[in-house]
Amino acid sequence: MHRFFISIVCLTICVFNLSAQVASYEPISKEKEAEIKALLAANKAKAFFEGGNINIGRFYIGPVLHFLHFNPIEKARIRLSGGLKLDNGLSFFAMGAYGTKDRAWKYDFAAAYRFKTSARSHNNIALSFTDNTYLPYLSDYDHLLNSTFEDADFFLFHRRRLRLSDKMSFDFNALRFDVEASFSRNRNSKYDPQKEKQGVKFIKANFYMPMLQLTLAKRDNTPKGDVIVSRYCDFPTMISVSAAREFFINDPGVDNRNRFTLNAQCRIPFDDYKAGCADIGIAAGYITKDVSRGGLYFPQSQTGYVSRSYAFLLIPYSRFATTKYLSPVISLNSGGMLLNNIPFFRRFHGNEFLNYKLYISPYKPYHEVSFGVDNVLDICGFELAWSSLNKWGVFLRLRVDF
């Protein structure tokens, strides 16, 4: 009886505490609810711009914003792509594109098998065939937002490649270690608006390339409290180092070469993001010996009037191709400190920013400065840029990475 009485008292206390917690619950304000809804809508828009696939079971069609693209070589480029992903690690991809100006078909086919070798590692084997145009510094150049108009410096490469690769990845908390080896048979050529396709000679190259890559990533830059996260671009703290050896096969007179790259970036918050943040990054690369079979480094650029965050906006497309370079960048984001002082603009969640980018190579150093406002209504803005070539440009800035 005594135990029964104690049990009743304990149960009553638990129910009272639960009732007290429920009674003390206060719903979030309408302003906070609207802010959360806007943030969720912005995240959905970003996911669509990044992927934009139409999923039908295990099949997908897309990315949607790659269906149509405009450039001086192909004019309107119409593309249809999609694939299949299976639970057993098998995946397939196919792409077909047609240029209305060059009247040529382009293709991509790929198959891959990804399987776990242990709890912390997996292996990915892939076979692909490509007969397609590309830009060496912009793999997704045919994204609609990367469309460009006539430009004297614009060019496209055309690649015909059969490639077999095997990539082992090892994860150790924030550390990732990749070991990759590939064999490819390449037939590449360069197109530009002033040349006919028949007048461009294909460059043949068959080579085997083992590569090591070490990546240290840290993603603990999330603001605390009432800071609006979407005001800042994704910029995780990370360091990545890679080294590759390219062995040319059946290419007499062509030297084998080494390739090294370094990419590092860090975000420094000011007063836990209440006063903004600074993004600091550095990229470097070095290629040894012969480059007659291609493989030059090209600066990260953009081709259209939509700004690509942390890429060069006004640099000429091919003038700065090189075997060695060093490129630091710094971006200061205020997080709306100026606009927040104006009641009308406070509701737009804008972020004022100032960027400086430098490109050091065997050519004369190139640098550019840009400033503007982005994240207006959690998605758009503008950027005004000036380069050391005395060029100016105004760009639309979308808060999506594409």
Protein backbone atom coordinates (compact mmCIF):
# COMPACT_ATOMS: atom_id res chain seq x y z
CA MET A 1 0.00 0.00 0.00
CA HIS A 2 2.85 2.35 0.85
CA ARG A 3 4.54 1.69 -2.51
CA PHE A 4 1.23 2.24 -4.32
CA PHE A 5 0.80 5.64 -2.65
CA ILE A 6 4.35 6.73 -3.59
CA SER A 7 3.72 5.68 -7.22
CA ILE A 8 0.53 7.78 -7.37
CA VAL A 9 2.38 10.84 -6.00
CA CYS A 10 5.22 10.46 -8.53
CA LEU A 11 2.78 10.07 -11.41
CA THR A 12 0.88 13.17 -10.28
CA ILE A 13 4.10 15.20 -10.14
CA CYS A 14 5.10 14.06 -13.66
CA VAL A 15 1.68 14.95 -15.08
CA PHE A 16 1.77 18.33 -13.30
CA ASN A 17 5.20 19.13 -14.71
CA LEU A 18 4.11 18.13 -18.21
CA SER A 19 0.97 20.23 -17.91
CA ALA A 20 3.00 23.16 -16.65
CA GLN A 21 5.37 22.88 -19.61
CA VAL A 22 2.48 22.77 -22.06
CA ALA A 23 0.73 25.66 -20.36
CA SER A 24 3.90 27.77 -20.47
CA TYR A 25 4.42 27.18 -24.22
CA GLU A 26 4.29 30.36 -26.27
CA PRO A 27 3.85 30.20 -30.08
CA ILE A 28 6.43 31.96 -32.22
CA SER A 29 5.60 35.41 -33.49
CA LYS A 30 4.12 35.96 -36.93
CA GLU A 31 7.26 37.85 -37.92
CA LYS A 32 9.47 34.90 -36.93
CA GLU A 33 7.14 32.46 -38.68
CA ALA A 34 7.29 34.53 -41.88
CA GLU A 35 11.10 34.62 -41.59
CA ILE A 36 11.26 30.82 -41.26
CA LYS A 37 8.93 30.34 -44.23
CA ALA A 38 11.04 32.70 -46.36
CA LEU A 39 14.18 30.80 -45.38
CA LEU A 40 12.60 27.44 -46.27
CA ALA A 41 11.44 28.85 -49.62
CA ALA A 42 14.95 30.15 -50.32
CA ASN A 43 16.45 26.74 -49.49
CA LYS A 44 13.98 25.05 -51.85
CA ALA A 45 14.87 27.52 -54.61
CA LYS A 46 18.56 26.91 -54.02
CA ALA A 47 18.09 23.13 -54.16
CA PHE A 48 16.23 23.51 -57.46
CA PHE A 49 18.91 25.72 -59.01
CA GLU A 50 21.68 23.40 -57.82
CA GLY A 51 20.05 20.15 -58.94
CA GLY A 52 16.75 20.90 -60.62
CA ASN A 53 16.06 17.27 -61.47
CA ILE A 54 12.63 15.84 -62.16
CA ASN A 55 12.49 12.55 -60.26
CA ILE A 56 10.37 9.63 -61.43
CA GLY A 57 11.08 6.79 -59.04
CA ARG A 58 14.70 5.80 -59.50
CA PHE A 59 14.87 7.73 -62.78
CA TYR A 60 15.59 11.43 -63.04
CA ILE A 61 15.50 13.97 -65.88
CA GLY A 62 17.59 17.09 -65.68
CA PRO A 63 19.09 19.31 -64.50
CA VAL A 64 16.16 21.40 -65.71
CA LEU A 65 18.15 24.61 -66.20
CA HIS A 66 20.48 22.79 -68.60
CA PHE A 67 17.73 22.19 -71.14
CA LEU A 68 18.53 25.41 -73.01
CA HIS A 69 21.72 27.48 -73.28
CA PHE A 70 23.03 30.24 -75.58
CA ASN A 71 26.63 30.83 -76.70
CA PRO A 72 28.40 32.24 -79.80
CA ILE A 73 29.56 28.82 -81.07
CA GLU A 74 26.33 26.84 -80.90
CA LYS A 75 23.81 29.69 -80.58
CA ALA A 76 20.81 27.94 -78.99
CA ARG A 77 22.03 24.69 -77.44
CA ILE A 78 19.18 22.29 -76.69
CA ARG A 79 19.99 19.53 -74.21
CA LEU A 80 18.17 16.57 -72.68
CA SER A 81 19.82 14.55 -69.93
CA GLY A 82 18.88 12.13 -67.21
CA GLY A 83 19.86 8.96 -65.47
CA LEU A 84 19.07 6.05 -63.21
CA LYS A 85 20.27 5.40 -59.66
CA LEU A 86 19.87 1.95 -58.12
CA ASP A 87 20.08 0.99 -54.46
CA ASN A 88 22.90 -1.49 -55.14
CA GLY A 89 25.30 1.35 -56.08
CA LEU A 90 24.85 1.20 -59.85
CA SER A 91 24.09 4.45 -61.67
CA PHE A 92 23.73 5.44 -65.31
CA PHE A 93 23.71 8.79 -67.07
CA ALA A 94 22.99 9.86 -70.65
CA MET A 95 22.98 13.28 -72.32
CA GLY A 96 22.19 14.49 -75.81
CA ALA A 97 22.55 18.09 -77.04
CA TYR A 98 22.18 19.89 -80.36
CA GLY A 99 23.60 23.24 -81.45
CA THR A 100 21.40 25.21 -83.83
CA LYS A 101 24.37 27.14 -85.30
CA ASP A 102 27.03 24.43 -85.73
CA ARG A 103 24.27 21.88 -86.46
CA ALA A 104 26.13 19.20 -84.56
CA TRP A 105 24.99 16.60 -82.04
CA LYS A 106 26.83 16.10 -78.74
CA TYR A 107 26.66 13.11 -76.41
CA ASP A 108 27.63 11.91 -72.94
CA PHE A 109 27.21 8.37 -71.62
CA ALA A 110 28.39 7.13 -68.24
CA ALA A 111 27.99 4.14 -65.95
CA ALA A 112 29.33 3.86 -62.41
CA TYR A 113 29.35 1.38 -59.56
CA ARG A 114 29.87 2.61 -56.01
CA PHE A 115 30.32 0.18 -53.14
CA LYS A 116 31.51 0.28 -49.55
CA THR A 117 34.79 -1.39 -48.74
CA SER A 118 34.56 -0.61 -45.00
CA ALA A 119 32.63 1.59 -42.59
CA ARG A 120 34.86 4.58 -43.48
CA SER A 121 35.69 3.97 -47.14
CA HIS A 122 34.06 3.29 -50.48
CA ASN A 123 35.13 2.67 -54.05
CA ASN A 124 33.70 4.15 -57.24
CA ILE A 125 34.39 2.62 -60.67
CA ALA A 126 33.19 4.59 -63.69
CA LEU A 127 33.23 4.23 -67.46
CA SER A 128 32.25 7.17 -69.66
CA PHE A 129 32.21 8.28 -73.26
CA THR A 130 32.06 11.96 -74.18
CA ASP A 131 31.59 13.71 -77.51
CA ASN A 132 30.71 17.15 -76.26
CA THR A 133 31.72 20.81 -75.99
CA TYR A 134 33.02 22.19 -72.70
CA LEU A 135 34.88 25.03 -71.00
CA PRO A 136 37.95 23.98 -69.01
CA TYR A 137 37.15 26.21 -66.02
CA LEU A 138 33.37 25.78 -66.02
CA SER A 139 32.13 22.20 -66.18
CA ASP A 140 28.47 23.25 -66.19
CA TYR A 141 28.92 25.98 -68.77
CA ASP A 142 25.63 25.06 -70.48
CA HIS A 143 23.57 26.06 -67.45
CA LEU A 144 20.98 28.59 -68.66
CA LEU A 145 22.29 31.17 -66.18
CA ASN A 146 25.75 30.86 -67.78
CA SER A 147 24.48 31.81 -71.24
CA THR A 148 26.63 34.44 -72.92
CA PHE A 149 26.54 36.69 -75.98
CA GLU A 150 29.08 37.48 -78.71
CA ASP A 151 32.52 38.10 -77.26
CA ALA A 152 35.91 38.32 -78.99
CA ASP A 153 37.55 36.17 -76.30
CA PHE A 154 34.92 33.44 -76.17
CA PHE A 155 35.81 29.91 -77.22
CA LEU A 156 34.73 26.33 -76.66
CA PHE A 157 36.66 23.09 -76.51
CA HIS A 158 35.28 19.97 -78.13
CA ARG A 159 36.19 16.75 -76.39
CA ARG A 160 35.97 13.19 -77.63
CA ARG A 161 37.02 10.99 -74.74
CA LEU A 162 36.72 7.42 -73.57
CA ARG A 163 37.59 7.21 -69.87
CA LEU A 164 37.86 4.48 -67.27
CA SER A 165 38.47 5.52 -63.67
CA ASP A 166 38.67 3.97 -60.22
CA LYS A 167 38.43 6.17 -57.13
CA MET A 168 38.88 5.06 -53.53
CA SER A 169 37.69 7.45 -50.79
CA PHE A 170 38.51 7.26 -47.09
CA ASP A 171 36.69 9.38 -44.48
CA PHE A 172 38.19 10.13 -41.06
CA ASN A 173 35.84 12.58 -39.32
CA ALA A 174 36.61 15.91 -41.04
CA LEU A 175 39.44 14.42 -43.13
CA ARG A 176 38.86 12.92 -46.59
CA PHE A 177 41.51 11.08 -48.58
CA ASP A 178 40.98 10.17 -52.25
CA VAL A 179 43.10 7.92 -54.42
CA GLU A 180 42.15 7.90 -58.10
CA ALA A 181 43.57 6.36 -61.23
CA SER A 182 42.20 6.85 -64.73
CA PHE A 183 43.00 5.95 -68.29
CA SER A 184 41.58 8.09 -71.07
CA ARG A 185 41.76 8.33 -74.83
CA ASN A 186 41.27 11.98 -75.77
CA ARG A 187 40.60 13.80 -79.02
CA ASN A 188 40.25 17.52 -78.25
CA SER A 189 39.93 20.64 -80.36
CA LYS A 190 39.31 24.31 -79.77
CA TYR A 191 36.45 26.20 -81.45
CA ASP A 192 36.05 29.94 -81.68
CA PRO A 193 33.53 32.11 -83.57
CA GLN A 194 36.06 33.17 -86.22
CA LYS A 195 36.97 29.62 -87.35
CA GLU A 196 35.06 26.97 -89.22
CA LYS A 197 34.78 23.60 -87.51
CA GLN A 198 36.48 21.80 -90.40
CA GLY A 199 39.55 24.00 -90.02
CA VAL A 200 40.32 22.95 -86.45
CA LYS A 201 42.71 20.04 -86.02
CA PHE A 202 42.01 17.51 -83.30
CA ILE A 203 44.78 16.96 -80.73
CA LYS A 204 45.25 13.29 -79.86
CA ALA A 205 46.32 12.19 -76.40
CA ASN A 206 46.18 8.86 -74.59
CA PHE A 207 47.31 8.95 -71.00
CA TYR A 208 47.12 7.22 -67.67
CA MET A 209 46.81 9.50 -64.64
CA PRO A 210 47.06 8.41 -60.99
CA MET A 211 46.06 11.13 -58.52
CA LEU A 212 46.09 11.67 -54.76
CA GLN A 213 43.87 14.22 -53.03
CA LEU A 214 43.69 15.16 -49.37
CA THR A 215 40.79 17.29 -48.13
CA LEU A 216 40.34 18.70 -44.64
CA ALA A 217 36.88 20.19 -44.24
CA LYS A 218 35.24 21.86 -41.29
CA ARG A 219 31.62 22.99 -41.45
CA ASP A 220 30.91 24.57 -38.07
CA ASN A 221 30.28 28.10 -39.35
CA THR A 222 26.58 28.13 -38.47
CA PRO A 223 25.51 31.43 -36.86
CA LYS A 224 23.78 31.29 -33.49
CA GLY A 225 20.80 33.13 -32.13
CA ASP A 226 18.60 35.26 -34.36
CA VAL A 227 21.12 35.73 -37.18
CA ILE A 228 19.56 35.05 -40.58
CA VAL A 229 21.68 32.22 -41.98
CA SER A 230 20.63 32.76 -45.60
CA ARG A 231 22.34 36.16 -45.69
CA TYR A 232 25.68 34.46 -46.31
CA CYS A 233 26.83 32.24 -49.19
CA ASP A 234 27.97 28.71 -48.39
CA PHE A 235 31.70 28.93 -47.63
CA PRO A 236 32.87 25.98 -45.48
CA THR A 237 36.33 26.07 -43.97
CA MET A 238 38.43 23.56 -45.90
CA ILE A 239 41.87 22.71 -47.25
CA SER A 240 42.38 20.49 -50.30
CA VAL A 241 45.71 19.38 -51.77
CA SER A 242 46.07 17.16 -54.85
CA ALA A 243 48.96 15.71 -56.81
CA ALA A 244 48.75 13.85 -60.11
CA ARG A 245 51.18 12.26 -62.54
CA GLU A 246 50.16 12.16 -66.21
CA PHE A 247 51.77 9.35 -68.22
CA PHE A 248 51.32 9.74 -71.98
CA ILE A 249 51.01 6.46 -73.87
CA ASN A 250 52.03 6.03 -77.51
CA ASP A 251 52.83 9.73 -77.79
CA PRO A 252 56.49 10.01 -78.87
CA GLY A 253 58.14 13.32 -78.12
CA VAL A 254 55.67 14.24 -75.36
CA ASP A 255 57.04 14.36 -71.82
CA ASN A 256 55.13 13.01 -68.87
CA ARG A 257 54.18 15.71 -66.42
CA ASN A 258 53.19 16.38 -62.81
CA ARG A 259 50.23 18.43 -61.67
CA PHE A 260 49.76 20.03 -58.23
CA THR A 261 46.82 22.03 -56.88
CA LEU A 262 45.98 23.73 -53.60
CA ASN A 263 42.63 25.12 -52.49
CA ALA A 264 41.99 26.56 -49.06
CA GLN A 265 39.26 28.75 -47.65
CA CYS A 266 38.20 30.04 -44.26
CA ARG A 267 35.27 32.07 -42.94
CA ILE A 268 35.90 34.45 -40.02
CA PRO A 269 32.70 35.63 -38.27
CA PHE A 270 32.49 39.04 -36.59
CA ASP A 271 30.62 39.00 -33.24
CA ASP A 272 29.05 35.63 -34.11
CA TYR A 273 27.88 37.00 -37.49
CA LYS A 274 26.00 39.93 -35.95
CA ALA A 275 28.57 42.24 -37.58
CA GLY A 276 29.04 40.10 -40.71
CA CYS A 277 31.97 37.93 -41.68
CA ALA A 278 35.10 37.76 -43.83
CA ASP A 279 35.70 34.99 -46.37
CA ILE A 280 39.34 34.33 -47.24
CA GLY A 281 40.41 31.86 -49.91
CA ILE A 282 43.50 30.91 -51.85
CA ALA A 283 44.00 28.68 -54.89
CA ALA A 284 47.25 27.65 -56.55
CA GLY A 285 48.40 25.28 -59.26
CA TYR A 286 51.58 24.11 -60.98
CA ILE A 287 52.17 21.91 -64.05
CA THR A 288 55.63 20.64 -65.00
CA LYS A 289 57.16 20.07 -68.42
CA ASP A 290 55.30 19.61 -71.70
CA VAL A 291 51.79 21.02 -72.20
CA SER A 292 51.48 20.38 -75.94
CA ARG A 293 48.63 17.95 -75.22
CA GLY A 294 46.56 20.50 -73.33
CA GLY A 295 46.00 20.53 -69.60
CA LEU A 296 46.66 24.21 -68.86
CA TYR A 297 45.10 25.91 -65.86
CA PHE A 298 42.37 28.43 -66.61
CA PRO A 299 41.15 30.98 -64.05
CA GLN A 300 37.73 30.38 -62.56
CA SER A 301 35.44 32.65 -64.56
CA GLN A 302 31.84 33.13 -65.51
CA THR A 303 30.37 33.66 -68.96
CA GLY A 304 26.96 35.29 -68.51
CA TYR A 305 25.53 38.22 -66.62
CA VAL A 306 24.75 36.21 -63.50
CA SER A 307 27.55 36.55 -60.95
CA ARG A 308 29.27 33.38 -59.77
CA SER A 309 30.36 33.90 -56.17
CA TYR A 310 34.15 34.11 -55.74
CA ALA A 311 34.82 33.63 -59.48
CA PHE A 312 36.44 36.26 -61.72
CA LEU A 313 33.74 38.31 -63.42
CA LEU A 314 35.71 40.32 -66.02
CA ILE A 315 38.81 38.26 -66.79
CA PRO A 316 39.23 37.30 -70.50
CA TYR A 317 38.35 33.69 -71.19
CA SER A 318 41.62 32.38 -72.63
CA ARG A 319 44.21 35.12 -72.18
CA PHE A 320 45.36 33.90 -68.76
CA ALA A 321 45.73 30.15 -69.39
CA THR A 322 48.95 29.11 -67.66
CA THR A 323 51.06 26.33 -66.14
CA LYS A 324 51.34 28.02 -62.74
CA TYR A 325 49.22 30.50 -60.82
CA LEU A 326 48.35 31.83 -57.38
CA SER A 327 44.94 33.35 -56.69
CA PRO A 328 43.89 34.83 -53.30
CA VAL A 329 40.41 36.23 -52.70
CA ILE A 330 38.81 38.08 -49.80
CA SER A 331 35.15 38.95 -49.34
CA LEU A 332 33.72 41.18 -46.61
CA ASN A 333 30.03 40.63 -45.82
CA SER A 334 28.24 43.08 -43.53
CA GLY A 335 25.11 40.96 -43.07
CA GLY A 336 22.86 43.97 -43.59
CA MET A 337 24.43 46.33 -41.04
CA LEU A 338 23.80 49.33 -43.27
CA LEU A 339 20.41 48.36 -44.65
CA ASN A 340 19.14 47.30 -41.24
CA ASN A 341 19.27 50.95 -40.17
CA ILE A 342 16.61 51.80 -42.76
CA PRO A 343 13.20 50.42 -41.68
CA PHE A 344 11.96 49.95 -45.26
CA PHE A 345 15.00 47.87 -46.36
CA ARG A 346 15.24 45.85 -43.14
CA ARG A 347 12.51 43.47 -44.30
CA PHE A 348 14.49 42.49 -47.45
CA HIS A 349 17.29 40.70 -45.50
CA GLY A 350 19.97 42.21 -47.76
CA ASN A 351 23.71 41.66 -47.35
CA GLU A 352 26.22 44.32 -48.42
CA PHE A 353 29.53 42.86 -49.62
CA LEU A 354 32.94 43.95 -50.93
CA ASN A 355 35.18 41.49 -52.85
CA TYR A 356 38.82 41.59 -53.91
CA LYS A 357 40.31 38.91 -56.20
CA LEU A 358 43.89 38.59 -57.45
CA TYR A 359 45.36 36.28 -60.10
CA ILE A 360 49.17 35.97 -60.19
CA SER A 361 50.72 34.07 -63.11
CA PRO A 362 53.59 34.47 -65.63
CA TYR A 363 51.42 37.19 -67.18
CA LYS A 364 50.91 40.61 -65.66
CA PRO A 365 48.98 40.22 -62.37
CA TYR A 366 45.25 40.61 -62.77
CA HIS A 367 42.91 41.84 -60.06
CA GLU A 368 39.36 43.02 -59.72
CA VAL A 369 37.20 44.69 -57.10
CA SER A 370 33.44 44.31 -56.82
CA PHE A 371 30.75 45.41 -54.41
CA GLY A 372 26.98 45.28 -54.16
CA VAL A 373 24.00 43.88 -52.31
CA ASP A 374 22.76 40.31 -52.46
CA ASN A 375 20.24 38.10 -50.68
CA VAL A 376 17.45 40.63 -51.30
CA LEU A 377 14.27 38.72 -50.43
CA ASP A 378 16.62 35.80 -49.69
CA ILE A 379 17.50 35.17 -53.34
CA CYS A 380 18.73 38.03 -55.56
CA GLY A 381 20.84 41.19 -55.75
CA PHE A 382 23.38 43.00 -57.95
CA GLU A 383 27.16 43.39 -58.19
CA LEU A 384 29.28 46.15 -59.74
CA ALA A 385 32.83 45.08 -60.72
CA TRP A 386 36.02 46.78 -61.96
CA SER A 387 39.16 44.99 -63.21
CA SER A 388 42.81 45.96 -63.70
CA LEU A 389 42.15 45.83 -67.46
CA ASN A 390 40.05 48.95 -66.87
CA LYS A 391 36.80 47.10 -67.54
CA TRP A 392 33.50 47.64 -65.75
CA GLY A 393 30.55 45.32 -65.45
CA VAL A 394 27.19 45.02 -63.70
CA PHE A 395 25.96 41.53 -62.83
CA LEU A 396 22.85 39.96 -61.41
CA ARG A 397 23.65 38.07 -58.23
CA LEU A 398 21.48 35.12 -57.24
CA ARG A 399 21.83 33.49 -53.85
CA VAL A 400 22.15 30.05 -55.38
CA ASP A 401 25.21 28.04 -56.35
CA PHE A 402 24.87 26.58 -59.84
